[in-house]
Protein backbone atom coordinates (compact mmCIF):
# COMPACT_ATOMS: atom_id res chain seq x y z
CA MET A 1 5.60 -20.74 9.74
CA THR A 2 7.78 -23.85 9.83
CA SER A 3 9.06 -25.42 6.66
CA ALA A 4 7.89 -28.89 7.67
CA VAL A 5 4.15 -28.19 7.85
CA PRO A 6 2.56 -25.62 5.57
CA LEU A 7 0.80 -22.76 7.38
CA SER A 8 1.95 -24.09 10.73
CA ARG A 9 3.27 -21.81 13.52
CA PRO A 10 6.81 -22.21 14.83
CA ARG A 11 7.08 -24.28 18.04
CA TYR A 12 8.51 -22.22 20.86
CA PRO A 13 10.64 -23.84 23.56
CA ASP A 14 8.81 -24.95 26.65
CA ALA A 15 8.49 -22.10 29.14
CA GLN A 16 10.31 -22.33 32.44
CA PRO A 17 8.97 -21.00 35.76
CA GLY A 18 9.45 -17.25 35.86
CA ASP A 19 9.67 -16.81 32.09
CA ALA A 20 8.03 -13.96 30.27
CA GLU A 21 4.45 -14.81 29.25
CA ARG A 22 3.63 -14.64 25.59
CA ALA A 23 0.66 -12.46 24.81
CA PRO A 24 -2.29 -14.78 24.03
CA ARG A 25 -3.81 -14.67 20.57
CA GLU A 26 -7.17 -13.80 22.05
CA LEU A 27 -5.75 -10.64 23.57
CA MET A 28 -3.89 -9.56 20.42
CA THR A 29 -6.96 -9.99 18.19
CA LEU A 30 -9.61 -8.15 20.26
CA PRO A 31 -11.79 -5.99 18.06
CA GLY A 32 -11.16 -2.24 18.10
CA PRO A 33 -8.10 -0.02 17.93
CA SER A 34 -5.09 -0.71 20.18
CA ARG A 35 -3.02 2.02 21.71
CA ASP A 36 0.54 1.72 20.36
CA VAL A 37 3.60 3.58 21.61
CA ARG A 38 6.73 3.13 19.50
CA ARG A 39 9.81 3.63 21.56
CA TRP A 40 13.16 1.85 21.18
CA ARG A 41 14.79 0.46 24.30
CA LEU A 42 17.36 -2.28 24.86
CA VAL A 43 15.97 -4.76 27.34
CA GLU A 44 16.45 -8.27 28.53
CA VAL A 45 13.58 -10.76 28.49
CA ARG A 46 13.50 -13.94 30.54
CA LEU A 47 13.06 -16.98 28.28
CA GLY A 48 13.93 -20.58 29.01
CA GLY A 49 15.10 -19.66 32.50
CA ARG A 50 17.69 -17.26 31.09
CA TRP A 51 17.90 -13.53 30.27
CA ARG A 52 18.05 -12.79 26.57
CA PRO A 53 18.96 -9.28 25.35
CA GLY A 54 16.57 -7.75 22.88
CA LEU A 55 15.19 -4.56 21.41
CA LEU A 56 11.79 -3.47 22.68
CA ALA A 57 10.24 -1.36 19.91
CA VAL A 58 6.50 -1.29 20.57
CA TRP A 59 4.28 -0.96 23.65
CA ARG A 60 0.68 -1.98 22.95
CA ARG A 61 -2.46 -1.60 25.01
CA PRO A 62 -5.10 -3.86 23.43
CA PRO A 63 -8.65 -2.46 23.42
CA GLY A 64 -10.27 -2.76 26.83
CA SER A 65 -7.21 -4.42 28.35
CA PRO A 66 -5.55 -3.20 31.60
CA ARG A 67 -2.26 -4.81 30.57
CA TRP A 68 0.50 -3.59 28.31
CA VAL A 69 2.12 -6.02 25.89
CA VAL A 70 5.53 -5.43 24.33
CA HIS A 71 7.20 -6.43 21.11
CA VAL A 72 10.78 -7.62 21.70
CA ARG A 73 13.15 -8.64 18.89
CA TRP A 74 16.42 -10.39 19.60
CA GLY A 75 17.57 -11.53 16.17
CA ASP A 76 17.28 -11.37 12.40
CA ASP A 77 14.43 -13.42 10.94
CA ALA A 78 16.65 -14.70 8.13
CA ALA A 79 19.36 -15.92 10.53
CA ALA A 80 17.30 -17.32 13.38
CA SER A 81 18.45 -20.90 13.84
CA ASP A 82 15.29 -21.93 15.71
CA GLY A 83 12.86 -20.01 13.47
CA GLN A 84 12.03 -17.33 16.06
CA ALA A 85 13.60 -13.92 16.41
CA TRP A 86 10.86 -11.92 18.16
CA GLY A 87 7.76 -12.13 20.23
CA TRP A 88 4.85 -10.27 21.90
CA TYR A 89 4.90 -10.56 25.70
CA LEU A 90 2.72 -9.47 28.58
CA TYR A 91 4.71 -6.73 30.29
CA SER A 92 6.00 -7.48 33.75
CA GLU A 93 8.98 -5.83 35.37
CA GLN A 94 9.99 -9.24 36.68
CA THR A 95 10.39 -10.72 33.19
CA VAL A 96 11.12 -7.76 30.84
CA ARG A 97 13.51 -5.16 32.15
CA PRO A 98 15.76 -2.42 30.70
CA LEU A 99 19.39 -3.21 30.12
CA PRO A 100 21.62 -0.80 32.03
CA GLU A 101 23.27 1.92 29.99
CA PRO A 102 27.08 1.85 29.75
CA ALA A 103 28.64 3.20 32.94
CA GLY A 104 32.00 4.63 33.72
CA PRO A 105 33.97 7.73 32.74
CA ALA A 106 35.05 8.68 29.25
CA PRO A 107 38.47 7.37 28.13
CA VAL A 108 41.40 9.57 29.16
CA ALA A 109 43.14 9.05 25.82
CA GLY A 110 42.32 10.98 22.66
CA PRO A 111 40.01 11.86 21.14
CA TYR A 112 37.97 11.89 24.35
CA PHE A 113 40.45 13.16 26.97
CA GLY A 114 38.03 12.38 29.75
CA ARG A 115 34.98 13.94 28.05
CA TRP A 116 32.35 12.02 26.16
CA ARG A 117 31.85 12.77 22.46
CA ASP A 118 29.23 11.42 20.13
CA ALA A 119 30.08 8.57 17.73
CA ALA A 120 31.94 10.03 14.73
CA ALA A 121 29.62 10.18 11.78
CA VAL A 122 30.77 9.13 8.31
CA PRO A 123 29.20 10.77 5.23
CA ALA A 124 27.15 8.24 3.30
CA GLU A 125 29.15 8.93 0.10
CA MET A 126 32.28 7.82 1.92
CA ALA A 127 30.77 4.62 3.31
CA GLY A 128 31.64 2.66 0.17
CA ALA A 129 29.57 0.21 -1.82
CA PRO A 130 27.87 -2.70 -0.13
CA ASP A 131 29.21 -6.22 -0.59
CA PRO A 132 27.15 -7.79 -3.43
CA GLY A 133 27.12 -11.05 -1.53
CA GLY A 134 25.78 -9.43 1.61
CA GLY A 135 28.99 -10.12 3.58
CA ASP A 136 28.82 -6.72 5.27
CA ARG A 137 25.34 -7.23 6.61
CA CYS A 138 25.03 -7.32 10.34
CA TRP A 139 22.33 -7.65 13.04
CA ARG A 140 23.74 -6.62 16.36
CA LEU A 141 22.28 -4.78 19.34
CA ALA A 142 24.47 -1.93 20.59
CA TRP A 143 24.57 1.19 22.67
CA VAL A 144 25.47 4.20 20.56
CA ARG A 145 26.50 7.63 21.86
CA THR A 146 24.61 10.31 19.98
CA GLY A 147 23.01 13.61 20.87
CA GLY A 148 25.10 13.68 24.06
CA ARG A 149 23.53 10.52 25.46
CA TRP A 150 23.45 6.74 25.13
CA CYS A 151 20.79 5.47 22.76
CA SER A 152 19.47 1.92 22.20
CA GLY A 153 20.78 0.93 18.78
CA LEU A 154 20.85 -1.76 16.13
CA VAL A 155 23.86 -2.23 13.85
CA THR A 156 22.74 -3.37 10.39
CA ALA A 157 26.02 -3.29 8.43
CA LEU A 158 29.72 -3.37 9.16
CA ARG A 159 32.43 -2.66 6.60
CA ARG A 160 35.86 -1.28 5.99
CA PRO A 161 35.72 0.82 2.82
CA GLY A 162 39.48 1.39 2.59
CA PRO A 163 42.65 1.45 4.67
CA GLY A 164 40.92 3.54 7.33
CA PRO A 165 38.83 2.35 10.28
CA TRP A 166 35.90 0.00 10.30
CA ILE A 167 32.53 1.73 10.05
CA ALA A 168 29.06 0.61 11.07
CA HIS A 169 25.55 1.57 10.01
CA VAL A 170 23.57 2.01 13.17
CA ARG A 171 19.92 2.80 13.77
CA TRP A 172 18.51 4.09 17.10
CA GLY A 173 14.92 4.72 16.09
CA GLU A 174 12.51 4.43 13.17
CA GLY A 175 12.83 7.96 11.77
CA ALA A 176 15.02 8.90 8.83
CA GLN A 177 17.09 11.01 11.19
CA ASP A 178 17.63 8.11 13.57
CA ALA A 179 20.35 6.31 11.56
CA ALA A 180 23.90 7.00 10.46
CA TRP A 181 27.18 5.55 9.40
CA VAL A 182 29.65 5.92 12.23
CA VAL A 183 33.17 4.89 13.06
CA ALA A 184 33.00 1.52 14.85
CA ASP A 185 34.72 2.74 17.97
CA VAL A 186 33.68 0.56 20.91
CA ALA A 187 34.10 3.48 23.27
CA VAL A 188 30.94 5.06 21.82
CA LEU A 189 29.40 2.14 19.92
CA GLN A 190 29.29 -0.65 22.48
CA PRO A 191 28.00 -4.04 21.30
CA VAL A 192 25.62 -5.97 23.53
CA PRO A 193 26.77 -9.57 24.11
CA PRO A 194 24.55 -11.69 21.85
CA ASP A 195 24.46 -14.82 23.99
CA THR A 196 21.88 -15.44 26.65
CA ALA A 197 23.04 -15.20 30.24
CA PRO A 198 21.94 -17.08 33.36
CA ALA A 199 19.09 -15.42 35.21
CA ARG A 200 20.47 -12.89 37.65
CA THR A 201 19.61 -13.28 41.34
CA ASP A 202 19.27 -9.60 42.01
CA GLY A 203 15.89 -7.83 41.89
CA PRO A 204 14.35 -6.33 38.78
CA THR A 205 15.41 -2.98 37.42
CA PRO A 206 12.97 -0.26 38.48
CA ALA A 207 10.20 -0.08 35.91
CA ALA A 208 10.82 3.45 34.56
CA ALA A 209 10.29 2.47 30.95
CA VAL A 210 6.57 1.94 30.98
CA PRO A 211 4.94 4.67 28.86
CA ALA A 212 2.78 7.16 30.73
CA GLY A 213 44.15 -1.02 20.63
CA ASP A 214 41.89 -1.16 17.62
CA PRO A 215 38.76 0.66 18.61
CA ALA A 216 36.74 -1.67 16.42
CA ALA A 217 38.19 -4.89 17.83
CA GLY A 218 34.94 -5.63 19.69
CA TRP A 219 33.11 -5.63 16.37
CA VAL A 220 35.37 -7.33 13.85
CA ALA A 221 36.25 -10.12 16.29
CA ARG A 222 32.61 -10.94 17.00
């Protein structure tokens, strides 16, 4: 809702040719159960003629519909300057596509020595107390290395509990086991640029996602 008119809906920017199509209300309110598949994946969605990075968390097949719709979030509701931080879109590989995972070899310097390691976990009791004013809260999309692979993640807090390194609380799924405090080393916790980027001229990524110095410098200088 907007603050200007009670019970009104936020006004979305005018769509540009080639933009992702918002799922119509009529489709999202069809009677009967929908088929939902919850699966986190970093994507980019075409909005306003530009590609905006986001987190796709839900695939939905409305009852009787041949189309999938997807829920994509690209910001924190409390911090969204234009009142919108997410949306439901009709899935199309031309307008919603996976972000490429980090590429390249592991760093040759320690502690990697040319071999990937998971992000270093920090015990919760060593993470320190949160800032009472919420100064350590964060909402940032990121790739995190865990379980021997890159996972689509969301950083929700960033703090430095002592003279040691910066640490980040990152979540890569909705389960209790899919979150941890880790050292904010950009080699294995790589932030996704938050700004939108001009629409690329190359073709869409193959649609394989449809269900059937200071290592923390990239974070603290955001």
